[in-house]
Amino acid sequence: RAAMSTWVAVLAGTAPEQIHLALGMTEDTMSVAWVTQDDTPGNVEFGEAETGKLSSVEVGDSRAFTLDANRTWYTHMAIMKDLQPNTKYSYRVGGKGGYSQVYNFTNRRQGAPYRHVIFGDMGSACAFSICEACTGDSEICNATTCAGKKNGLILEAEEADIMTHVGDFGYDLDSNGGTTGDNFMRNIEQLAAKVPYMVSHGNHEDTHEKLAHYIERFRSQPSNAEPPLFNSKNGKTTNSLYFSWDYGLVHYVSMSTELWSLVGD
């Protein structure tokens, strides 16, 4: 990592960043998560895109992450409710520190074939599958980097119904005091703010610190696990180490094998 030539200031302001969607527990809900330096819970404003209005508001929560050296940052999540199937929505997230740009997503598009995009093992650097501008020399491959590019996951996100990342994030989420995780989540926002971004635990999320980053950053997943909470080094939150969900004709099961080998709880 010492050879990396480009870095981003970590959470330089209180505006929301690292925005990502996930399917809700029911087909008429969608969760959205984001990160700030500010512990104010914030909210999501949303509405049907064709109206041009963000007429609905749901209040989000706020949860501190305290394991990185010399900083505390906050994850937030909110749930958009009463969504209609096959309907395009616009939304933004934020609060007193400012709001994000407006993003769009389609809730539960109707009509086969459905487009499921599945991938894994993606670093902050060497994320070549996001777009052709990503390199091995920088951890930054965000929307600015990929602007005007036509290949990779940025193209798939325009047509995908769902994306599933099957483990191994950032390499690693806790590296460089957590800034590698920040860069990874910024990179993935250009996909995950538009399409439900579902995740599964991988062997790179295998130490107390890495596991805590994974659990906290993706606590918006629609977990139906028992017990519903998992106790990481940062505290108890959503148990996303084993859960399942449905989309179209597919029943997905996410199951971590690390619980029986590398992860200590």
Protein backbone atom coordinates (compact mmCIF):
# COMPACT_ATOMS: atom_id res chain seq x y z
CA ARG A 1 0.00 0.00 0.00
CA ALA A 2 2.93 2.38 0.52
CA ALA A 3 3.28 2.58 -3.27
CA MET A 4 -0.19 4.05 -3.72
CA SER A 5 0.20 7.49 -5.26
CA THR A 6 -3.25 8.99 -4.72
CA TRP A 7 -5.33 9.34 -1.59
CA VAL A 8 -8.54 11.06 -0.56
CA ALA A 9 -8.97 13.08 2.62
CA VAL A 10 -10.99 11.02 5.04
CA LEU A 11 -14.51 12.29 5.65
CA ALA A 12 -13.48 15.88 5.10
CA GLY A 13 -16.97 17.30 5.73
CA THR A 14 -20.31 16.46 7.26
CA ALA A 15 -22.13 15.96 3.96
CA PRO A 16 -23.20 12.34 3.32
CA GLU A 17 -21.03 10.03 1.26
CA GLN A 18 -20.52 6.30 0.57
CA ILE A 19 -24.23 5.97 -0.26
CA HIS A 20 -25.56 2.49 -1.02
CA LEU A 21 -28.94 0.83 -1.39
CA ALA A 22 -30.05 -2.60 -0.22
CA LEU A 23 -33.31 -4.46 -0.62
CA GLY A 24 -35.71 -4.04 2.27
CA MET A 25 -37.27 -6.77 4.34
CA THR A 26 -40.43 -6.49 2.23
CA GLU A 27 -40.93 -5.79 -1.46
CA ASP A 28 -42.33 -2.32 -0.77
CA THR A 29 -39.22 -1.12 1.09
CA MET A 30 -35.65 -0.18 0.18
CA SER A 31 -32.90 0.69 2.66
CA VAL A 32 -30.24 3.30 2.07
CA ALA A 33 -27.04 3.75 4.09
CA TRP A 34 -24.42 6.47 4.18
CA VAL A 35 -21.49 7.82 6.21
CA THR A 36 -20.67 11.19 7.80
CA GLN A 37 -18.49 12.70 10.52
CA ASP A 38 -21.67 14.05 12.10
CA ASP A 39 -23.74 12.00 14.54
CA THR A 40 -26.99 13.74 13.54
CA PRO A 41 -29.23 10.92 12.24
CA GLY A 42 -30.33 12.70 9.05
CA ASN A 43 -33.05 11.45 6.73
CA VAL A 44 -33.92 10.26 3.24
CA GLU A 45 -36.22 12.32 1.04
CA PHE A 46 -37.80 10.41 -1.84
CA GLY A 47 -40.64 10.32 -4.32
CA GLU A 48 -41.73 8.89 -7.65
CA ALA A 49 -39.32 10.19 -10.26
CA GLU A 50 -42.01 11.18 -12.76
CA THR A 51 -43.47 13.68 -10.28
CA GLY A 52 -40.18 15.54 -9.88
CA LYS A 53 -40.87 15.82 -6.14
CA LEU A 54 -39.22 14.29 -3.08
CA SER A 55 -42.47 14.31 -1.16
CA SER A 56 -41.79 11.54 1.37
CA VAL A 57 -39.32 11.61 4.27
CA GLU A 58 -38.04 8.83 6.51
CA VAL A 59 -35.76 9.59 9.46
CA GLY A 60 -32.47 7.71 9.63
CA ASP A 61 -30.38 6.55 12.56
CA SER A 62 -26.79 7.22 13.56
CA ARG A 63 -24.16 4.83 14.87
CA ALA A 64 -20.58 5.61 15.87
CA PHE A 65 -17.58 3.66 14.60
CA THR A 66 -14.70 4.00 17.05
CA LEU A 67 -12.09 1.38 16.10
CA ASP A 68 -10.01 3.45 13.66
CA ALA A 69 -7.09 5.31 15.20
CA ASN A 70 -7.57 9.02 15.86
CA ARG A 71 -11.06 9.35 14.43
CA THR A 72 -14.72 8.57 14.99
CA TRP A 73 -17.13 8.41 12.09
CA TYR A 74 -20.82 7.53 11.80
CA THR A 75 -22.91 5.15 9.74
CA HIS A 76 -26.52 6.02 9.03
CA MET A 77 -29.40 4.14 7.50
CA ALA A 78 -33.02 4.82 6.67
CA ILE A 79 -35.78 2.75 5.08
CA MET A 80 -37.92 4.03 2.22
CA LYS A 81 -41.41 2.61 2.68
CA ASP A 82 -44.66 2.12 0.75
CA LEU A 83 -42.84 1.74 -2.57
CA GLN A 84 -44.73 0.51 -5.60
CA PRO A 85 -43.32 -2.28 -7.80
CA ASN A 86 -41.94 -1.47 -11.23
CA THR A 87 -41.71 2.21 -10.29
CA LYS A 88 -38.78 4.60 -10.62
CA TYR A 89 -37.96 6.68 -7.55
CA SER A 90 -35.69 9.64 -6.89
CA TYR A 91 -34.05 10.20 -3.50
CA ARG A 92 -31.37 12.04 -1.59
CA VAL A 93 -29.94 11.61 1.90
CA GLY A 94 -28.53 14.05 4.42
CA GLY A 95 -29.33 16.49 7.18
CA LYS A 96 -27.97 19.66 8.71
CA GLY A 97 -24.51 18.98 7.26
CA GLY A 98 -25.87 18.99 3.71
CA TYR A 99 -27.55 16.63 1.28
CA SER A 100 -26.29 14.25 -1.36
CA GLN A 101 -27.04 14.61 -5.03
CA VAL A 102 -30.33 13.11 -6.18
CA TYR A 103 -30.12 9.47 -7.26
CA ASN A 104 -32.68 7.25 -8.99
CA PHE A 105 -33.58 3.57 -8.65
CA THR A 106 -36.37 1.30 -9.85
CA ASN A 107 -38.14 -0.72 -7.19
CA ARG A 108 -38.69 -4.38 -8.13
CA ARG A 109 -38.89 -4.10 -11.89
CA GLN A 110 -41.52 -6.46 -13.29
CA GLY A 111 -41.00 -8.71 -16.29
CA ALA A 112 -38.38 -11.35 -17.03
CA PRO A 113 -35.60 -11.64 -17.89
CA TYR A 114 -34.15 -10.08 -14.75
CA ARG A 115 -30.57 -8.88 -14.73
CA HIS A 116 -28.57 -10.07 -11.72
CA VAL A 117 -24.94 -8.92 -11.59
CA ILE A 118 -22.71 -11.02 -9.32
CA PHE A 119 -19.06 -10.30 -8.57
CA GLY A 120 -16.48 -10.58 -5.79
CA ASP A 121 -12.88 -9.92 -4.78
CA MET A 122 -12.77 -6.20 -5.50
CA GLY A 123 -10.15 -3.92 -4.01
CA SER A 124 -10.08 -0.16 -3.68
CA ALA A 125 -7.11 -0.28 -6.02
CA CYS A 126 -7.15 -2.63 -9.01
CA ALA A 127 -10.94 -2.32 -9.27
CA PHE A 128 -10.67 -2.75 -13.01
CA SER A 129 -14.19 -4.12 -13.38
CA ILE A 130 -15.77 -0.80 -12.28
CA CYS A 131 -14.49 1.05 -15.36
CA GLU A 132 -11.45 1.09 -17.60
CA ALA A 133 -9.99 4.14 -15.83
CA CYS A 134 -9.36 2.21 -12.59
CA THR A 135 -5.71 1.40 -11.97
CA GLY A 136 -3.49 -0.49 -9.58
CA ASP A 137 -1.68 2.71 -8.60
CA SER A 138 -4.56 4.48 -6.87
CA GLU A 139 -7.36 3.53 -4.49
CA ILE A 140 -9.57 6.17 -6.09
CA CYS A 141 -11.90 5.04 -8.86
CA ASN A 142 -15.02 7.06 -8.12
CA ALA A 143 -17.61 8.75 -10.32
CA THR A 144 -15.14 11.48 -11.27
CA THR A 145 -12.58 8.88 -12.35
CA CYS A 146 -15.15 6.98 -14.41
CA ALA A 147 -16.92 10.00 -15.93
CA GLY A 148 -17.48 9.42 -19.63
CA LYS A 149 -16.36 5.79 -19.52
CA LYS A 150 -18.53 3.20 -21.23
CA ASN A 151 -17.30 -0.20 -20.05
CA GLY A 152 -17.49 -2.20 -16.82
CA LEU A 153 -19.88 -2.24 -13.91
CA ILE A 154 -20.80 1.41 -14.45
CA LEU A 155 -22.49 0.26 -17.67
CA GLU A 156 -24.08 -2.79 -16.02
CA ALA A 157 -25.55 -0.57 -13.30
CA GLU A 158 -27.69 1.20 -15.89
CA GLU A 159 -29.63 -2.02 -16.59
CA ALA A 160 -29.09 -4.23 -13.52
CA ASP A 161 -31.97 -5.11 -11.21
CA ILE A 162 -29.67 -6.18 -8.38
CA MET A 163 -25.93 -6.46 -7.69
CA THR A 164 -24.44 -8.99 -5.30
CA HIS A 165 -20.85 -8.74 -4.04
CA VAL A 166 -19.84 -12.17 -2.78
CA GLY A 167 -17.08 -11.21 -0.35
CA ASP A 168 -13.63 -9.62 -0.14
CA PHE A 169 -14.01 -5.85 -0.06
CA GLY A 170 -11.43 -3.10 -0.49
CA TYR A 171 -8.36 -5.14 0.46
CA ASP A 172 -9.04 -4.37 3.22
CA LEU A 173 -11.83 -2.29 4.75
CA ASP A 174 -9.75 -1.51 7.85
CA SER A 175 -6.45 -0.87 6.05
CA ASN A 176 -4.66 2.45 6.47
CA GLY A 177 -6.74 3.41 9.45
CA GLY A 178 -9.97 2.63 7.58
CA THR A 179 -9.26 5.04 4.71
CA THR A 180 -9.04 2.13 2.28
CA GLY A 181 -12.57 1.19 3.28
CA ASP A 182 -13.69 4.78 2.77
CA ASN A 183 -12.16 4.86 -0.71
CA PHE A 184 -13.78 1.56 -1.61
CA MET A 185 -17.22 2.72 -0.51
CA ARG A 186 -16.80 5.99 -2.43
CA ASN A 187 -15.84 4.01 -5.52
CA ILE A 188 -18.83 1.70 -5.26
CA GLU A 189 -21.33 4.54 -4.68
CA GLN A 190 -21.62 5.17 -8.43
CA LEU A 191 -23.13 1.67 -8.67
CA ALA A 192 -24.70 1.04 -5.29
CA ALA A 193 -26.63 4.31 -5.06
CA LYS A 194 -28.56 3.26 -8.19
CA VAL A 195 -29.01 -0.51 -7.77
CA PRO A 196 -29.59 -2.61 -4.62
CA TYR A 197 -26.11 -3.69 -3.52
CA MET A 198 -26.30 -6.97 -1.65
CA VAL A 199 -23.29 -8.47 0.10
CA SER A 200 -21.90 -11.69 1.52
CA HIS A 201 -19.04 -12.12 3.98
CA GLY A 202 -15.63 -13.13 2.62
CA ASN A 203 -12.35 -14.40 4.03
CA HIS A 204 -10.77 -10.92 3.81
CA GLU A 205 -13.25 -9.76 6.47
CA ASP A 206 -11.65 -12.10 8.97
CA THR A 207 -10.15 -10.20 11.93
CA HIS A 208 -11.97 -8.35 14.70
CA GLU A 209 -11.32 -4.98 13.04
CA LYS A 210 -12.08 -6.08 9.47
CA LEU A 211 -15.23 -7.85 10.59
CA ALA A 212 -16.40 -4.77 12.49
CA HIS A 213 -15.93 -2.63 9.38
CA TYR A 214 -17.93 -5.12 7.32
CA ILE A 215 -20.74 -5.45 9.86
CA GLU A 216 -21.11 -1.70 10.39
CA ARG A 217 -20.75 -0.58 6.78
CA PHE A 218 -23.35 -3.09 5.60
CA ARG A 219 -25.76 -3.13 8.53
CA SER A 220 -28.54 -2.05 6.15
CA GLN A 221 -28.78 -5.54 4.64
CA PRO A 222 -32.22 -7.20 5.07
CA SER A 223 -31.05 -9.80 7.55
CA ASN A 224 -33.48 -12.47 8.72
CA ALA A 225 -30.78 -14.16 10.80
CA GLU A 226 -31.27 -15.69 14.24
CA PRO A 227 -30.02 -14.14 16.41
CA PRO A 228 -30.76 -10.86 14.60
CA LEU A 229 -27.75 -9.05 16.09
CA PHE A 230 -24.04 -9.83 15.91
CA ASN A 231 -21.55 -8.59 18.49
CA SER A 232 -18.49 -7.22 16.69
CA LYS A 233 -15.66 -5.32 18.36
CA ASN A 234 -17.60 -2.11 17.67
CA GLY A 235 -20.74 -3.42 19.38
CA LYS A 236 -23.98 -5.14 18.43
CA THR A 237 -25.72 -4.48 15.14
CA THR A 238 -27.36 -6.29 12.21
CA ASN A 239 -26.28 -9.91 11.81
CA SER A 240 -25.34 -10.03 8.13
CA LEU A 241 -23.13 -13.13 8.42
CA TYR A 242 -25.96 -15.45 7.39
CA PHE A 243 -29.27 -14.38 5.89
CA SER A 244 -31.34 -14.79 2.74
CA TRP A 245 -33.48 -12.82 0.33
CA ASP A 246 -35.54 -13.28 -2.82
CA TYR A 247 -35.38 -11.48 -6.13
CA GLY A 248 -37.37 -12.64 -9.12
CA LEU A 249 -37.02 -16.41 -9.44
CA VAL A 250 -33.86 -16.56 -7.30
CA HIS A 251 -33.61 -17.29 -3.57
CA TYR A 252 -30.21 -16.08 -2.36
CA VAL A 253 -28.55 -17.50 0.75
CA SER A 254 -25.56 -15.64 2.21
CA MET A 255 -23.55 -17.76 4.63
CA SER A 256 -20.19 -17.06 6.22
CA THR A 257 -17.82 -19.98 6.70
CA GLU A 258 -15.38 -17.71 8.56
CA LEU A 259 -17.39 -18.05 11.78
CA TRP A 260 -16.00 -21.56 12.19
CA SER A 261 -12.42 -20.83 11.22
CA LEU A 262 -10.94 -17.33 11.38
CA VAL A 263 -13.48 -15.08 13.06
CA GLY A 264 -13.65 -14.89 16.84
CA ASP A 265 -16.80 -13.42 18.42
